[in-house]
N, C-alpha and C. Protein backbone atom coordinates (compact mmCIF):
# COMPACT_ATOMS: atom_id res chain seq x y z
N MET A 1 -54.54 17.92 2.82
CA MET A 1 -53.87 18.89 1.94
C MET A 1 -53.78 18.89 1.01
N TYR A 2 -53.84 20.35 0.43
CA TYR A 2 -53.89 20.73 -0.46
C TYR A 2 -52.76 21.46 -1.46
N GLY A 3 -52.37 20.86 -2.88
CA GLY A 3 -51.05 21.97 -2.91
C GLY A 3 -50.70 20.79 -3.89
N MET A 4 -49.28 20.95 -5.17
CA MET A 4 -48.67 20.25 -6.39
C MET A 4 -47.47 19.57 -5.28
N ARG A 5 -47.22 18.44 -6.04
CA ARG A 5 -46.10 17.59 -6.47
C ARG A 5 -45.57 18.04 -7.29
N ALA A 6 -44.10 17.53 -7.69
CA ALA A 6 -43.83 17.92 -8.72
C ALA A 6 -43.65 17.13 -9.95
N GLN A 7 -44.67 16.11 -9.74
CA GLN A 7 -45.18 15.47 -10.82
C GLN A 7 -46.32 15.21 -11.28
N ASP A 8 -47.33 16.82 -10.38
CA ASP A 8 -48.40 16.66 -10.49
C ASP A 8 -48.14 17.86 -12.13
N ASN A 9 -49.85 17.79 -12.66
CA ASN A 9 -49.96 19.13 -13.15
C ASN A 9 -50.90 20.05 -13.14
N ALA A 10 -51.69 20.34 -11.62
CA ALA A 10 -52.26 20.97 -11.35
C ALA A 10 -52.16 20.92 -10.01
N PRO A 11 -52.94 21.38 -9.15
CA PRO A 11 -53.17 21.39 -8.03
C PRO A 11 -54.23 21.41 -7.64
N THR A 12 -54.45 19.65 -6.85
CA THR A 12 -54.86 18.91 -5.93
C THR A 12 -54.50 18.21 -4.21
N THR A 13 -55.77 17.59 -3.69
CA THR A 13 -55.60 17.60 -2.85
C THR A 13 -55.33 15.94 -2.61
N HIS A 14 -54.31 16.18 -0.92
CA HIS A 14 -52.73 14.80 -1.45
C HIS A 14 -53.95 14.42 -0.02
N PHE A 15 -53.80 12.90 0.18
CA PHE A 15 -53.57 13.08 1.97
C PHE A 15 -53.11 11.92 2.09
N ARG A 16 -52.36 12.23 3.46
CA ARG A 16 -51.62 11.05 4.24
C ARG A 16 -51.75 9.89 5.16
N SER A 17 -51.71 8.93 5.23
CA SER A 17 -52.12 8.38 5.56
C SER A 17 -50.28 7.72 7.07
N ASP A 18 -50.21 6.71 7.07
CA ASP A 18 -50.05 5.86 8.16
C ASP A 18 -48.65 5.48 7.30
N ARG A 19 -47.57 5.53 7.20
CA ARG A 19 -46.39 4.34 6.22
C ARG A 19 -45.37 3.28 6.43
N LEU A 20 -46.52 3.53 8.43
CA LEU A 20 -45.74 2.23 8.57
C LEU A 20 -46.52 1.05 9.09
N CYS A 21 -46.10 -0.09 8.81
CA CYS A 21 -47.31 -0.92 8.92
C CYS A 21 -46.37 -2.42 9.67
N ARG A 22 -46.87 -3.72 10.14
CA ARG A 22 -46.72 -4.81 10.34
C ARG A 22 -47.01 -5.80 8.74
N VAL A 23 -46.00 -6.67 8.79
CA VAL A 23 -46.57 -8.05 8.17
C VAL A 23 -45.75 -8.82 9.01
N ASN A 24 -46.74 -9.46 9.11
CA ASN A 24 -45.59 -11.04 9.92
C ASN A 24 -44.84 -10.87 11.04
N GLY A 25 -45.56 -9.39 11.97
CA GLY A 25 -44.82 -9.19 13.00
C GLY A 25 -43.85 -8.00 13.14
N GLU A 26 -43.16 -7.62 11.63
CA GLU A 26 -41.94 -6.65 10.74
C GLU A 26 -42.27 -5.83 10.39
N LEU A 27 -41.79 -4.91 11.57
CA LEU A 27 -42.07 -3.30 11.22
C LEU A 27 -41.43 -2.47 9.13
N TYR A 28 -42.95 -2.05 8.68
CA TYR A 28 -42.17 -2.08 7.06
C TYR A 28 -42.95 -0.40 6.89
N PHE A 29 -42.31 -0.26 5.68
CA PHE A 29 -42.97 1.87 5.36
C PHE A 29 -43.37 1.12 3.85
N SER A 30 -44.64 2.30 3.67
CA SER A 30 -44.64 1.88 2.35
C SER A 30 -44.63 3.03 2.15
N THR A 31 -44.08 3.72 0.53
CA THR A 31 -44.31 4.32 -0.55
C THR A 31 -45.05 4.33 -1.60
N ARG A 32 -45.16 5.17 -2.16
CA ARG A 32 -46.06 6.25 -4.18
C ARG A 32 -45.72 5.26 -4.89
N GLU A 33 -44.86 4.69 -5.16
CA GLU A 33 -44.58 3.63 -5.82
C GLU A 33 -45.14 2.24 -5.39
N ASN A 34 -45.17 2.06 -4.45
CA ASN A 34 -46.25 1.01 -4.31
C ASN A 34 -45.20 -0.20 -3.86
N THR A 35 -44.00 0.05 -3.16
CA THR A 35 -42.79 -0.92 -2.66
C THR A 35 -43.50 -1.02 -1.75
N LEU A 36 -42.64 -1.72 -0.93
CA LEU A 36 -42.69 -2.05 0.40
C LEU A 36 -41.42 -2.26 1.11
N GLU A 37 -40.20 -0.89 1.21
CA GLU A 37 -39.67 -1.59 2.42
C GLU A 37 -39.31 -1.46 4.45
N GLY A 38 -38.35 -2.50 4.30
CA GLY A 38 -37.85 -3.16 5.52
C GLY A 38 -37.34 -4.24 5.60
N PRO A 39 -37.52 -4.80 6.37
CA PRO A 39 -38.12 -4.54 7.87
C PRO A 39 -36.72 -4.52 8.98
N PHE A 40 -37.36 -3.95 9.98
CA PHE A 40 -35.98 -2.72 10.58
C PHE A 40 -36.85 -3.17 11.79
N ASP A 41 -35.64 -2.88 12.49
CA ASP A 41 -36.04 -3.08 14.13
C ASP A 41 -36.73 -1.97 15.47
N SER A 42 -36.68 -0.63 14.69
CA SER A 42 -37.95 0.30 15.72
C SER A 42 -38.92 0.45 14.44
N PRO A 43 -40.09 1.99 15.56
CA PRO A 43 -40.19 2.39 14.43
C PRO A 43 -39.60 4.16 14.50
N GLU A 44 -37.93 4.40 14.82
CA GLU A 44 -37.11 4.57 15.06
C GLU A 44 -36.66 4.58 14.06
N ALA A 45 -36.10 3.64 13.65
CA ALA A 45 -35.34 3.89 12.42
C ALA A 45 -35.74 3.88 11.17
N ALA A 46 -37.12 3.02 11.50
CA ALA A 46 -38.00 2.91 10.65
C ALA A 46 -38.66 4.48 9.55
N MET A 47 -38.38 5.58 10.46
CA MET A 47 -38.18 7.26 10.65
C MET A 47 -37.66 7.14 9.82
N ARG A 48 -36.61 7.47 10.01
CA ARG A 48 -35.06 7.90 9.61
C ARG A 48 -34.76 7.00 8.03
N GLU A 49 -35.38 5.66 8.38
CA GLU A 49 -35.33 5.28 6.61
C GLU A 49 -36.24 5.85 5.58
N ILE A 50 -37.34 6.27 6.27
CA ILE A 50 -38.40 6.97 5.23
C ILE A 50 -37.73 8.20 4.97
N GLN A 51 -36.74 9.01 5.54
CA GLN A 51 -36.28 10.58 5.18
C GLN A 51 -35.34 10.32 4.85
N ALA A 52 -34.11 9.55 4.38
CA ALA A 52 -33.22 8.65 3.52
C ALA A 52 -33.62 8.33 2.45
N TYR A 53 -34.95 7.24 2.15
CA TYR A 53 -35.92 7.06 1.33
C TYR A 53 -36.47 8.21 -0.23
N ILE A 54 -36.48 9.46 0.59
CA ILE A 54 -37.43 10.48 0.60
C ILE A 54 -36.47 11.19 -0.52
N GLU A 55 -34.96 11.51 0.72
CA GLU A 55 -34.05 12.67 -0.34
C GLU A 55 -33.20 11.16 -1.77
N ARG A 56 -33.38 10.88 -1.29
CA ARG A 56 -32.83 9.88 -2.78
C ARG A 56 -34.29 9.96 -3.76
N MET A 57 -34.95 10.10 -2.65
CA MET A 57 -36.24 9.68 -4.69
C MET A 57 -36.00 11.81 -4.61
N GLN A 58 -35.88 12.62 -3.77
CA GLN A 58 -35.53 14.17 -4.20
C GLN A 58 -34.50 14.46 -4.91
N LEU A 59 -32.97 14.35 -4.63
CA LEU A 59 -32.44 13.63 -5.72
C LEU A 59 -32.13 12.91 -7.26
N LEU A 60 -32.79 12.21 -7.50
CA LEU A 60 -33.48 11.06 -8.64
C LEU A 60 -34.53 12.38 -9.77
N SER A 61 -35.45 12.87 -9.12
CA SER A 61 -35.66 13.82 -9.42
C SER A 61 -35.42 14.48 -10.08
N THR A 62 -34.40 15.54 -9.44
CA THR A 62 -33.52 16.51 -9.68
C THR A 62 -33.16 16.34 -10.95
N SER A 63 -32.36 14.93 -10.83
CA SER A 63 -30.53 15.28 -11.31
C SER A 63 -31.60 14.03 -13.16
N HIS A 64 -32.84 14.41 -12.85
CA HIS A 64 -33.51 13.98 -14.84
C HIS A 64 -33.67 15.33 -15.27
């Protein structure tokens, strides 16, 4: 994927990776900020929380 994120100075290549992982059998997602969020009961619950996390981060970046 070629493009720019809000914090990038110039376009660059970004590679998507699977954000869902299991740690000791529990489901988590990882963030660009190097945090591990969870645990979640199902992949669907994790996906909802990923979307909510992205929306929170976008709000934070626009409020500064």
